[in-house]
């Protein structure tokens, strides 16, 4: 096999990984589809931050200031946000 044939063979064997941007878009679409299906579900704090697209620190700051959606105390050290409350909060933010 000559050099050119070797390069072509290597290109065929390589898997193309989706870019980080495309992966993020897929995750956001999947999260939005889940929200559209069940509104009574409670999202964990990390899930809520990922769904809304902001960091954990920003999520904590929003909730501490009272500017976030209502919180559900799941256990002494764990909180969550109902999907319906999150949807209403997001609609109110858009106005």
N, C-alpha and C. Protein backbone atom coordinates (compact mmCIF):
# COMPACT_ATOMS: atom_id res chain seq x y z
N UNK A 1 0.84 -1.16 0.00
CA UNK A 1 0.00 0.00 0.00
C UNK A 1 0.90 1.24 0.00
N UNK A 2 0.61 2.16 -0.87
CA UNK A 2 1.42 3.37 -0.88
C UNK A 2 0.89 4.38 0.14
N UNK A 3 1.55 5.49 0.26
CA UNK A 3 1.23 6.48 1.29
C UNK A 3 -0.19 7.03 1.12
N UNK A 4 -0.57 7.34 -0.08
CA UNK A 4 -1.91 7.91 -0.34
C UNK A 4 -3.00 6.91 0.00
N UNK A 5 -2.81 5.65 -0.39
CA UNK A 5 -3.80 4.62 -0.08
C UNK A 5 -3.91 4.42 1.43
N UNK A 6 -2.81 4.53 2.13
CA UNK A 6 -2.79 4.39 3.58
C UNK A 6 -3.58 5.54 4.23
N UNK A 7 -3.42 6.77 3.75
CA UNK A 7 -4.16 7.90 4.29
C UNK A 7 -5.66 7.74 4.07
N UNK A 8 -6.04 7.27 2.90
CA UNK A 8 -7.46 7.06 2.60
C UNK A 8 -8.04 5.99 3.51
N UNK A 9 -7.29 4.92 3.72
CA UNK A 9 -7.76 3.84 4.59
C UNK A 9 -7.92 4.33 6.03
N UNK A 10 -7.00 5.16 6.50
CA UNK A 10 -7.10 5.70 7.85
C UNK A 10 -8.31 6.60 8.00
N UNK A 11 -8.60 7.39 6.98
CA UNK A 11 -9.76 8.28 7.03
C UNK A 11 -11.05 7.49 7.11
N UNK A 12 -11.12 6.38 6.41
CA UNK A 12 -12.33 5.54 6.43
C UNK A 12 -12.53 4.90 7.80
N UNK A 13 -11.43 4.55 8.45
CA UNK A 13 -11.50 3.86 9.74
C UNK A 13 -11.83 4.79 10.90
N UNK A 14 -11.51 6.05 10.76
CA UNK A 14 -11.75 7.00 11.85
C UNK A 14 -13.23 7.26 12.01
N UNK A 15 -13.66 7.24 13.24
CA UNK A 15 -15.04 7.62 13.55
C UNK A 15 -15.06 9.11 13.80
N UNK A 16 -16.04 9.75 13.27
CA UNK A 16 -16.16 11.19 13.50
C UNK A 16 -17.02 11.40 14.75
N UNK A 17 -16.43 12.00 15.75
CA UNK A 17 -17.13 12.30 16.99
C UNK A 17 -17.94 13.59 16.81
N UNK A 18 -19.16 13.63 17.35
CA UNK A 18 -19.92 14.89 17.26
C UNK A 18 -19.24 15.98 18.08
N UNK A 19 -19.34 17.17 17.61
CA UNK A 19 -18.71 18.28 18.32
C UNK A 19 -19.41 18.51 19.65
N UNK A 20 -18.77 19.23 20.52
CA UNK A 20 -19.36 19.51 21.83
C UNK A 20 -20.64 20.31 21.68
N UNK A 21 -20.67 21.19 20.71
CA UNK A 21 -21.86 22.01 20.50
C UNK A 21 -23.04 21.14 20.09
N UNK A 22 -22.80 20.23 19.16
CA UNK A 22 -23.87 19.34 18.70
C UNK A 22 -24.34 18.44 19.85
N UNK A 23 -23.40 17.95 20.65
CA UNK A 23 -23.77 17.12 21.79
C UNK A 23 -24.63 17.89 22.78
N UNK A 24 -24.29 19.15 23.02
CA UNK A 24 -25.08 19.99 23.92
C UNK A 24 -26.48 20.20 23.36
N UNK A 25 -26.59 20.43 22.06
CA UNK A 25 -27.91 20.61 21.43
C UNK A 25 -28.76 19.36 21.59
N UNK A 26 -28.15 18.21 21.42
CA UNK A 26 -28.89 16.96 21.57
C UNK A 26 -29.40 16.79 23.00
N UNK A 27 -28.54 17.10 23.98
CA UNK A 27 -28.96 17.00 25.38
C UNK A 27 -30.10 17.96 25.70
N UNK A 28 -30.02 19.18 25.17
CA UNK A 28 -31.08 20.15 25.42
C UNK A 28 -32.39 19.70 24.79
N UNK A 29 -32.32 19.18 23.55
CA UNK A 29 -33.54 18.68 22.89
C UNK A 29 -34.15 17.54 23.69
N UNK A 30 -33.32 16.62 24.16
CA UNK A 30 -33.81 15.49 24.94
C UNK A 30 -34.45 15.97 26.24
N UNK A 31 -33.84 16.94 26.89
CA UNK A 31 -34.40 17.49 28.13
C UNK A 31 -35.73 18.18 27.87
N UNK A 32 -35.84 18.91 26.77
CA UNK A 32 -37.09 19.60 26.43
C UNK A 32 -38.19 18.60 26.12
N UNK A 33 -37.85 17.49 25.45
CA UNK A 33 -38.85 16.47 25.15
C UNK A 33 -39.34 15.81 26.42
N UNK A 34 -38.44 15.58 27.38
CA UNK A 34 -38.85 15.00 28.65
C UNK A 34 -39.79 15.93 29.40
N UNK A 35 -39.49 17.22 29.37
CA UNK A 35 -40.32 18.20 30.06
C UNK A 35 -41.71 18.24 29.42
N UNK A 36 -41.77 18.16 28.10
CA UNK A 36 -43.05 18.23 27.41
C UNK A 36 -43.94 17.03 27.76
N UNK A 37 -43.35 15.88 28.09
CA UNK A 37 -44.11 14.67 28.36
C UNK A 37 -44.73 14.63 29.75
N UNK A 38 -43.96 14.90 30.79
CA UNK A 38 -44.42 14.77 32.17
C UNK A 38 -44.13 16.05 32.92
N UNK A 39 -45.16 16.75 33.33
CA UNK A 39 -44.97 18.00 34.05
C UNK A 39 -45.01 17.82 35.56
N UNK A 40 -45.41 16.66 36.06
CA UNK A 40 -45.47 16.45 37.50
C UNK A 40 -44.16 15.93 38.06
N UNK A 41 -43.22 15.61 37.22
CA UNK A 41 -41.95 15.06 37.65
C UNK A 41 -41.14 16.13 38.40
N UNK A 42 -40.36 15.68 39.38
CA UNK A 42 -39.50 16.58 40.12
C UNK A 42 -38.07 16.42 39.61
N UNK A 43 -37.48 17.52 39.21
CA UNK A 43 -36.09 17.52 38.74
C UNK A 43 -35.17 17.74 39.93
N UNK A 44 -34.07 17.01 39.97
CA UNK A 44 -33.04 17.28 40.96
C UNK A 44 -32.39 18.63 40.64
N UNK A 45 -31.69 19.18 41.61
CA UNK A 45 -31.08 20.49 41.41
C UNK A 45 -30.12 20.50 40.21
N UNK A 46 -29.27 19.49 40.09
CA UNK A 46 -28.34 19.42 38.97
C UNK A 46 -29.07 19.28 37.64
N UNK A 47 -30.12 18.46 37.61
CA UNK A 47 -30.91 18.30 36.39
C UNK A 47 -31.54 19.63 35.99
N UNK A 48 -32.07 20.34 36.97
CA UNK A 48 -32.71 21.62 36.69
C UNK A 48 -31.71 22.61 36.10
N UNK A 49 -30.51 22.68 36.70
CA UNK A 49 -29.48 23.58 36.18
C UNK A 49 -29.09 23.21 34.75
N UNK A 50 -28.94 21.91 34.48
CA UNK A 50 -28.58 21.46 33.14
C UNK A 50 -29.69 21.79 32.14
N UNK A 51 -30.93 21.59 32.55
CA UNK A 51 -32.06 21.88 31.68
C UNK A 51 -32.14 23.36 31.32
N UNK A 52 -31.90 24.20 32.30
CA UNK A 52 -31.97 25.64 32.09
C UNK A 52 -30.70 26.19 31.44
N UNK A 53 -29.63 25.43 31.48
CA UNK A 53 -28.40 25.84 30.81
C UNK A 53 -27.53 26.79 31.60
N UNK A 54 -27.58 26.71 32.92
CA UNK A 54 -26.67 27.52 33.70
C UNK A 54 -25.94 26.68 34.73
N UNK A 55 -24.91 27.25 35.32
CA UNK A 55 -24.05 26.52 36.25
C UNK A 55 -24.75 26.29 37.58
N UNK A 56 -24.16 25.42 38.38
CA UNK A 56 -24.70 25.15 39.72
C UNK A 56 -24.65 26.40 40.59
N UNK A 57 -23.58 27.17 40.46
CA UNK A 57 -23.45 28.40 41.26
C UNK A 57 -24.55 29.40 40.89
N UNK A 58 -24.84 29.53 39.62
CA UNK A 58 -25.90 30.45 39.19
C UNK A 58 -27.25 29.95 39.70
N UNK A 59 -27.47 28.63 39.65
CA UNK A 59 -28.72 28.07 40.16
C UNK A 59 -28.89 28.35 41.64
N UNK A 60 -27.83 28.15 42.42
CA UNK A 60 -27.89 28.44 43.86
C UNK A 60 -28.17 29.92 44.11
N UNK A 61 -27.52 30.78 43.33
CA UNK A 61 -27.71 32.22 43.50
C UNK A 61 -29.16 32.62 43.20
N UNK A 62 -29.75 32.05 42.14
CA UNK A 62 -31.14 32.36 41.79
C UNK A 62 -32.09 31.92 42.91
N UNK A 63 -31.88 30.71 43.41
CA UNK A 63 -32.78 30.21 44.45
C UNK A 63 -32.61 30.97 45.76
N UNK A 64 -31.38 31.32 46.10
CA UNK A 64 -31.11 32.05 47.34
C UNK A 64 -31.73 33.45 47.30
N UNK A 65 -31.70 34.08 46.13
CA UNK A 65 -32.24 35.43 46.00
C UNK A 65 -33.77 35.45 45.93
N UNK A 66 -34.37 34.28 45.72
CA UNK A 66 -35.82 34.22 45.60
C UNK A 66 -36.32 34.46 44.19
N UNK A 67 -35.40 34.58 43.22
CA UNK A 67 -35.78 34.85 41.84
C UNK A 67 -36.04 33.57 41.05
N UNK A 68 -35.84 32.42 41.66
CA UNK A 68 -36.02 31.14 40.97
C UNK A 68 -37.41 30.57 41.21
N UNK A 69 -37.66 29.38 40.67
CA UNK A 69 -38.96 28.72 40.88
C UNK A 69 -39.08 28.18 42.30
N UNK A 70 -40.29 27.81 42.71
CA UNK A 70 -40.47 27.21 44.03
C UNK A 70 -39.66 25.91 44.16
N UNK A 71 -39.13 25.66 45.34
CA UNK A 71 -38.27 24.51 45.60
C UNK A 71 -39.02 23.49 46.44
N UNK A 72 -38.76 22.21 46.16
CA UNK A 72 -39.31 21.10 46.93
C UNK A 72 -38.16 20.49 47.72
N UNK A 73 -38.33 20.36 49.03
CA UNK A 73 -37.30 19.76 49.88
C UNK A 73 -37.47 18.25 49.80
N UNK A 74 -36.54 17.55 49.15
CA UNK A 74 -36.64 16.11 48.96
C UNK A 74 -36.10 15.34 50.17
N UNK A 75 -35.09 15.86 50.79
CA UNK A 75 -34.50 15.27 52.00
C UNK A 75 -33.77 16.41 52.72
N UNK A 76 -33.21 16.16 53.88
CA UNK A 76 -32.53 17.26 54.59
C UNK A 76 -31.44 17.95 53.77
N UNK A 77 -30.80 17.22 52.85
CA UNK A 77 -29.70 17.82 52.08
C UNK A 77 -29.97 17.87 50.58
N UNK A 78 -31.20 17.62 50.17
CA UNK A 78 -31.49 17.54 48.74
C UNK A 78 -32.75 18.32 48.40
N UNK A 79 -32.66 19.12 47.31
CA UNK A 79 -33.81 19.89 46.85
C UNK A 79 -34.13 19.51 45.42
N UNK A 80 -35.34 19.87 44.99
CA UNK A 80 -35.75 19.63 43.62
C UNK A 80 -36.71 20.71 43.18
N UNK A 81 -36.99 20.73 41.89
CA UNK A 81 -37.92 21.69 41.31
C UNK A 81 -38.90 20.92 40.44
N UNK A 82 -40.20 21.14 40.64
CA UNK A 82 -41.20 20.50 39.79
C UNK A 82 -41.11 21.06 38.38
N UNK A 83 -41.27 20.19 37.39
CA UNK A 83 -41.19 20.62 36.00
C UNK A 83 -42.23 21.67 35.68
N UNK A 84 -43.42 21.53 36.23
CA UNK A 84 -44.48 22.50 35.97
C UNK A 84 -44.10 23.87 36.54
N UNK A 85 -43.53 23.88 37.75
CA UNK A 85 -43.09 25.14 38.35
C UNK A 85 -41.97 25.77 37.52
N UNK A 86 -41.07 24.93 37.01
CA UNK A 86 -39.99 25.44 36.17
C UNK A 86 -40.53 26.05 34.89
N UNK A 87 -41.50 25.39 34.26
CA UNK A 87 -42.08 25.91 33.01
C UNK A 87 -42.77 27.25 33.25
N UNK A 88 -43.50 27.36 34.35
CA UNK A 88 -44.18 28.63 34.67
C UNK A 88 -43.15 29.72 34.96
N UNK A 89 -42.09 29.38 35.68
CA UNK A 89 -41.03 30.34 36.00
C UNK A 89 -40.35 30.84 34.74
N UNK A 90 -40.06 29.93 33.81
CA UNK A 90 -39.41 30.31 32.56
C UNK A 90 -40.31 31.21 31.71
N UNK A 91 -41.61 30.92 31.69
CA UNK A 91 -42.54 31.78 30.94
C UNK A 91 -42.59 33.17 31.55
N UNK A 92 -42.56 33.25 32.86
CA UNK A 92 -42.59 34.55 33.52
C UNK A 92 -41.31 35.33 33.24
N UNK A 93 -40.18 34.65 33.11
CA UNK A 93 -38.91 35.32 32.82
C UNK A 93 -38.88 35.90 31.41
N UNK A 94 -39.58 35.26 30.48
CA UNK A 94 -39.57 35.69 29.08
C UNK A 94 -40.31 37.00 28.86
N UNK A 95 -41.22 37.31 29.74
CA UNK A 95 -42.04 38.52 29.56
C UNK A 95 -41.28 39.77 29.79
